[in-house]
Amino acid sequence: MKDPHNYRAVGWSMIAVAGSLAAIGILLLALHDDPFFSDNMMNEKIKQFEEMKQQTTEMVNSTGEKMGEPKPGMAILFVYLK
């Protein structure tokens, strides 16, 4: 079988795909308000969790109870601390 010698066509196709992906990326950065939306959302959730953990620790320390003892309404408490 002969070698089809289509390396040039494949090369131009790869350049076209790379150019279109670059154009999509540039448009996304130009039109989107917050390109790091998921990172910012994750950092907010981590901060919220740390604040809830701190509030729970302060509540436990003020009552003198041990943290390891489960209380009946603890799950409801976490929901209302938001």
Protein backbone atom coordinates (compact mmCIF):
# COMPACT_ATOMS: atom_id res chain seq x y z
CA MET A 1 0.00 0.00 0.00
CA LYS A 2 1.16 3.49 -0.76
CA ASP A 3 1.83 6.03 1.96
CA PRO A 4 -0.96 8.64 1.62
CA HIS A 5 1.32 11.62 2.48
CA ASN A 6 -1.43 13.56 4.20
CA TYR A 7 0.88 15.00 6.85
CA ARG A 8 0.34 18.56 5.60
CA ALA A 9 -3.45 18.28 5.86
CA VAL A 10 -3.19 16.81 9.35
CA GLY A 11 -0.84 19.61 10.39
CA TRP A 12 -3.19 22.33 9.18
CA SER A 13 -6.09 20.59 10.91
CA MET A 14 -4.18 20.56 14.19
CA ILE A 15 -3.41 24.27 13.81
CA ALA A 16 -7.11 25.00 13.10
CA VAL A 17 -8.22 23.06 16.19
CA ALA A 18 -5.63 24.76 18.40
CA GLY A 19 -6.66 28.18 17.07
CA SER A 20 -10.34 27.55 17.69
CA LEU A 21 -9.68 26.35 21.24
CA ALA A 22 -7.55 29.44 21.90
CA ALA A 23 -10.32 31.66 20.54
CA ILE A 24 -12.88 29.98 22.81
CA GLY A 25 -10.59 30.47 25.81
CA ILE A 26 -10.04 34.14 25.04
CA LEU A 27 -13.77 34.70 24.59
CA LEU A 28 -14.48 32.95 27.88
CA LEU A 29 -12.00 35.14 29.73
CA ALA A 30 -13.30 38.30 28.04
CA LEU A 31 -17.03 37.65 28.51
CA HIS A 32 -17.21 35.79 31.80
CA ASP A 33 -17.25 37.84 35.02
CA ASP A 34 -15.53 35.32 37.26
CA PRO A 35 -13.37 32.73 35.47
CA PHE A 36 -12.43 31.11 38.80
CA PHE A 37 -16.03 30.64 39.97
CA SER A 38 -15.57 27.10 41.29
CA ASP A 39 -12.37 27.98 43.17
CA ASN A 40 -14.03 30.98 44.80
CA MET A 41 -17.08 28.91 45.73
CA MET A 42 -14.90 26.20 47.27
CA ASN A 43 -12.92 28.76 49.28
CA GLU A 44 -16.16 30.31 50.59
CA LYS A 45 -17.43 26.89 51.66
CA ILE A 46 -14.14 26.10 53.43
CA LYS A 47 -14.28 29.45 55.22
CA GLN A 48 -17.90 28.83 56.22
CA PHE A 49 -17.00 25.36 57.53
CA GLU A 50 -14.10 26.73 59.59
CA GLU A 51 -16.37 29.41 61.08
CA MET A 52 -19.00 26.80 61.98
CA LYS A 53 -16.33 24.59 63.54
CA GLN A 54 -15.02 27.55 65.56
CA GLN A 55 -18.53 28.47 66.76
CA THR A 56 -19.23 24.89 67.77
CA THR A 57 -15.93 24.69 69.64
CA GLU A 58 -16.70 27.94 71.46
CA MET A 59 -20.16 26.66 72.42
CA VAL A 60 -18.75 23.38 73.68
CA ASN A 61 -15.99 25.13 75.62
CA SER A 62 -18.49 27.49 77.25
CA THR A 63 -20.67 24.61 78.50
CA GLY A 64 -17.72 22.46 79.56
CA GLU A 65 -18.92 19.38 77.71
CA LYS A 66 -16.64 17.11 75.77
CA MET A 67 -16.71 17.38 71.99
CA GLY A 68 -16.81 13.61 71.47
CA GLU A 69 -20.17 13.13 73.17
CA PRO A 70 -22.96 13.13 70.56
CA LYS A 71 -26.03 15.15 71.47
CA PRO A 72 -29.53 14.47 70.10
CA GLY A 73 -30.02 17.81 68.32
CA MET A 74 -26.47 18.33 67.03
CA ALA A 75 -27.36 17.84 63.33
CA ILE A 76 -30.16 20.41 63.61
CA LEU A 77 -27.76 22.78 65.36
CA PHE A 78 -25.36 22.69 62.41
CA VAL A 79 -28.18 23.53 60.01
CA TYR A 80 -29.27 26.57 62.04
CA LEU A 81 -25.71 27.87 62.50
CA LYS A 82 -25.52 28.82 58.83
